[in-house]
Amino acid sequence: MEVEEGEDSRTSVLIHQLRAAEIPPEVEKGYPTSPYAWDVWALGMLMSKAGASTGYDVPELGSVTKKMLEPQWERRPSARTVLRRFEKAIMNIAEERLNSIPHPPSTVPAVSS
């Protein structure tokens, strides 16, 4: 994808079709979206679901993912902004907690061998 000089890369190309595991709300409603905003939405969903499914929910990332899941795609942060916010949030987590093993969620059945 090429963007002409002076064009806003977030709005110069829009997606109109559904072909993904995580569909942002604007596309579900039939509106086009920016591929960058879609990627931010999908990554926000991945981060949210990964924390919930592994039992390793990181509350410090809540403010990061909340903005990534903004219903209006024009208001979602860029990937660069997400990275900066992620790095800042991680800096507020103690080293021993970052290296700890998560507790499995109680809703996941135990696997027997």
C-alpha atoms as a PDB file:
ATOM      1  CA  MET A   1       0.000   0.000   0.000  1.00  0.00           C
ATOM      2  CA  GLU A   2       1.416   3.351  -0.959  1.00  0.00           C
ATOM      3  CA  VAL A   3       0.304   6.648   0.488  1.00  0.00           C
ATOM      4  CA  GLU A   4       0.821   9.818  -1.507  1.00  0.00           C
ATOM      5  CA  GLU A   5       2.873  12.575   0.078  1.00  0.00           C
ATOM      6  CA  GLY A   6       0.667  14.756   2.258  1.00  0.00           C
ATOM      7  CA  GLU A   7      -2.015  12.096   2.689  1.00  0.00           C
ATOM      8  CA  ASP A   8      -3.049  10.872   6.124  1.00  0.00           C
ATOM      9  CA  SER A   9      -2.104   7.190   6.164  1.00  0.00           C
ATOM     10  CA  ARG A  10      -4.859   6.466   8.706  1.00  0.00           C
ATOM     11  CA  THR A  11      -7.637   7.563   6.343  1.00  0.00           C
ATOM     12  CA  SER A  12      -6.258   7.212   2.809  1.00  0.00           C
ATOM     13  CA  VAL A  13      -7.100   3.489   2.619  1.00  0.00           C
ATOM     14  CA  LEU A  14     -10.254   2.042   4.140  1.00  0.00           C
ATOM     15  CA  ILE A  15     -11.364  -1.573   4.617  1.00  0.00           C
ATOM     16  CA  HIS A  16     -14.934  -2.504   3.694  1.00  0.00           C
ATOM     17  CA  GLN A  17     -15.013  -6.308   3.973  1.00  0.00           C
ATOM     18  CA  LEU A  18     -15.194  -8.787   6.846  1.00  0.00           C
ATOM     19  CA  ARG A  19     -12.309 -11.277   6.865  1.00  0.00           C
ATOM     20  CA  ALA A  20     -10.864 -11.492  10.355  1.00  0.00           C
ATOM     21  CA  ALA A  21     -11.287 -13.173  13.709  1.00  0.00           C
ATOM     22  CA  GLU A  22     -11.840  -9.881  15.535  1.00  0.00           C
ATOM     23  CA  ILE A  23     -14.262  -7.557  13.797  1.00  0.00           C
ATOM     24  CA  PRO A  24     -14.315  -3.960  15.064  1.00  0.00           C
ATOM     25  CA  PRO A  25     -17.736  -2.456  15.809  1.00  0.00           C
ATOM     26  CA  GLU A  26     -17.754  -0.041  12.871  1.00  0.00           C
ATOM     27  CA  VAL A  27     -17.257  -2.879  10.379  1.00  0.00           C
ATOM     28  CA  GLU A  28     -19.942  -5.003  12.059  1.00  0.00           C
ATOM     29  CA  LYS A  29     -22.290  -2.071  11.466  1.00  0.00           C
ATOM     30  CA  GLY A  30     -21.333  -1.942   7.778  1.00  0.00           C
ATOM     31  CA  TYR A  31     -18.999   1.065   7.864  1.00  0.00           C
ATOM     32  CA  PRO A  32     -15.477   1.131   6.414  1.00  0.00           C
ATOM     33  CA  THR A  33     -12.453   1.446   8.681  1.00  0.00           C
ATOM     34  CA  SER A  34      -8.759   2.165   8.572  1.00  0.00           C
ATOM     35  CA  PRO A  35      -6.573  -0.952   8.387  1.00  0.00           C
ATOM     36  CA  TYR A  36      -4.368   0.576  11.085  1.00  0.00           C
ATOM     37  CA  ALA A  37      -7.330   1.176  13.399  1.00  0.00           C
ATOM     38  CA  TRP A  38      -8.481  -2.410  12.741  1.00  0.00           C
ATOM     39  CA  ASP A  39      -5.044  -3.736  13.706  1.00  0.00           C
ATOM     40  CA  VAL A  40      -5.082  -1.705  16.928  1.00  0.00           C
ATOM     41  CA  TRP A  41      -8.583  -3.049  17.700  1.00  0.00           C
ATOM     42  CA  ALA A  42      -7.515  -6.654  17.049  1.00  0.00           C
ATOM     43  CA  LEU A  43      -4.397  -6.308  19.203  1.00  0.00           C
ATOM     44  CA  GLY A  44      -6.478  -4.785  22.009  1.00  0.00           C
ATOM     45  CA  MET A  45      -8.854  -7.748  21.822  1.00  0.00           C
ATOM     46  CA  LEU A  46      -5.933 -10.184  21.832  1.00  0.00           C
ATOM     47  CA  MET A  47      -4.393  -8.541  24.884  1.00  0.00           C
ATOM     48  CA  SER A  48      -7.721  -8.532  26.737  1.00  0.00           C
ATOM     49  CA  LYS A  49      -8.577 -12.130  25.906  1.00  0.00           C
ATOM     50  CA  ALA A  50      -5.059 -13.440  26.569  1.00  0.00           C
ATOM     51  CA  GLY A  51      -5.054 -11.985  30.062  1.00  0.00           C
ATOM     52  CA  ALA A  52      -8.497 -13.341  30.832  1.00  0.00           C
ATOM     53  CA  SER A  53      -7.885 -16.821  29.410  1.00  0.00           C
ATOM     54  CA  THR A  54      -4.502 -17.353  31.060  1.00  0.00           C
ATOM     55  CA  GLY A  55      -5.423 -15.965  34.460  1.00  0.00           C
ATOM     56  CA  TYR A  56      -2.653 -13.406  34.103  1.00  0.00           C
ATOM     57  CA  ASP A  57      -4.711 -10.278  33.863  1.00  0.00           C
ATOM     58  CA  VAL A  58      -2.528  -7.176  34.155  1.00  0.00           C
ATOM     59  CA  PRO A  59      -4.610  -4.273  35.506  1.00  0.00           C
ATOM     60  CA  GLU A  60      -1.875  -1.796  34.558  1.00  0.00           C
ATOM     61  CA  LEU A  61      -2.617  -2.513  30.897  1.00  0.00           C
ATOM     62  CA  GLY A  62      -6.320  -1.763  31.280  1.00  0.00           C
ATOM     63  CA  SER A  63      -5.961   1.885  30.317  1.00  0.00           C
ATOM     64  CA  VAL A  64      -3.917   0.889  27.262  1.00  0.00           C
ATOM     65  CA  THR A  65      -6.381  -1.703  25.992  1.00  0.00           C
ATOM     66  CA  LYS A  66      -9.410   0.467  26.785  1.00  0.00           C
ATOM     67  CA  LYS A  67      -8.188   3.132  24.352  1.00  0.00           C
ATOM     68  CA  MET A  68      -7.341   0.464  21.758  1.00  0.00           C
ATOM     69  CA  LEU A  69     -10.950  -0.747  21.895  1.00  0.00           C
ATOM     70  CA  GLU A  70     -12.433   2.704  21.359  1.00  0.00           C
ATOM     71  CA  PRO A  71     -15.696   2.231  19.400  1.00  0.00           C
ATOM     72  CA  GLN A  72     -14.908   5.140  17.028  1.00  0.00           C
ATOM     73  CA  TRP A  73     -11.942   4.078  14.932  1.00  0.00           C
ATOM     74  CA  GLU A  74     -10.804   7.655  14.375  1.00  0.00           C
ATOM     75  CA  ARG A  75     -10.238   7.965  18.134  1.00  0.00           C
ATOM     76  CA  ARG A  76      -8.107   4.821  18.520  1.00  0.00           C
ATOM     77  CA  PRO A  77      -4.419   5.461  19.149  1.00  0.00           C
ATOM     78  CA  SER A  78      -1.782   4.694  16.553  1.00  0.00           C
ATOM     79  CA  ALA A  79       0.379   1.594  16.953  1.00  0.00           C
ATOM     80  CA  ARG A  80       3.290   3.849  17.918  1.00  0.00           C
ATOM     81  CA  THR A  81       1.217   5.471  20.676  1.00  0.00           C
ATOM     82  CA  VAL A  82       0.082   2.043  21.887  1.00  0.00           C
ATOM     83  CA  LEU A  83       3.707   0.904  22.100  1.00  0.00           C
ATOM     84  CA  ARG A  84       4.687   3.980  24.124  1.00  0.00           C
ATOM     85  CA  ARG A  85       1.733   3.513  26.493  1.00  0.00           C
ATOM     86  CA  PHE A  86       2.499  -0.209  26.836  1.00  0.00           C
ATOM     87  CA  GLU A  87       6.151   0.468  27.687  1.00  0.00           C
ATOM     88  CA  LYS A  88       5.147   3.108  30.237  1.00  0.00           C
ATOM     89  CA  ALA A  89       2.608   0.753  31.861  1.00  0.00           C
ATOM     90  CA  ILE A  90       5.146  -2.093  32.069  1.00  0.00           C
ATOM     91  CA  MET A  91       7.605   0.212  33.830  1.00  0.00           C
ATOM     92  CA  ASN A  92       5.088   0.477  36.695  1.00  0.00           C
ATOM     93  CA  ILE A  93       5.062  -3.285  37.323  1.00  0.00           C
ATOM     94  CA  ALA A  94       7.555  -4.802  39.746  1.00  0.00           C
ATOM     95  CA  GLU A  95      10.212  -7.045  38.164  1.00  0.00           C
ATOM     96  CA  GLU A  96       9.277 -10.072  40.287  1.00  0.00           C
ATOM     97  CA  ARG A  97       5.639  -9.772  39.190  1.00  0.00           C
ATOM     98  CA  LEU A  98       6.639  -9.561  35.515  1.00  0.00           C
ATOM     99  CA  ASN A  99       8.647 -12.764  35.913  1.00  0.00           C
ATOM    100  CA  SER A 100       6.053 -14.646  37.947  1.00  0.00           C
ATOM    101  CA  ILE A 101       4.067 -17.598  36.659  1.00  0.00           C
ATOM    102  CA  PRO A 102       0.362 -16.814  36.244  1.00  0.00           C
ATOM    103  CA  HIS A 103      -2.303 -18.647  38.189  1.00  0.00           C
ATOM    104  CA  PRO A 104      -4.625 -20.541  35.855  1.00  0.00           C
ATOM    105  CA  PRO A 105      -8.186 -19.228  35.813  1.00  0.00           C
ATOM    106  CA  SER A 106     -10.671 -21.291  37.791  1.00  0.00           C
ATOM    107  CA  THR A 107     -12.974 -21.577  34.771  1.00  0.00           C
ATOM    108  CA  VAL A 108     -10.501 -23.661  32.753  1.00  0.00           C
ATOM    109  CA  PRO A 109     -10.961 -27.394  33.360  1.00  0.00           C
ATOM    110  CA  ALA A 110      -7.916 -29.326  34.548  1.00  0.00           C
ATOM    111  CA  VAL A 111      -6.324 -31.598  31.966  1.00  0.00           C
ATOM    112  CA  SER A 112      -5.922 -35.168  33.155  1.00  0.00           C
ATOM    113  CA  SER A 113      -3.241 -37.473  31.827  1.00  0.00           C
END
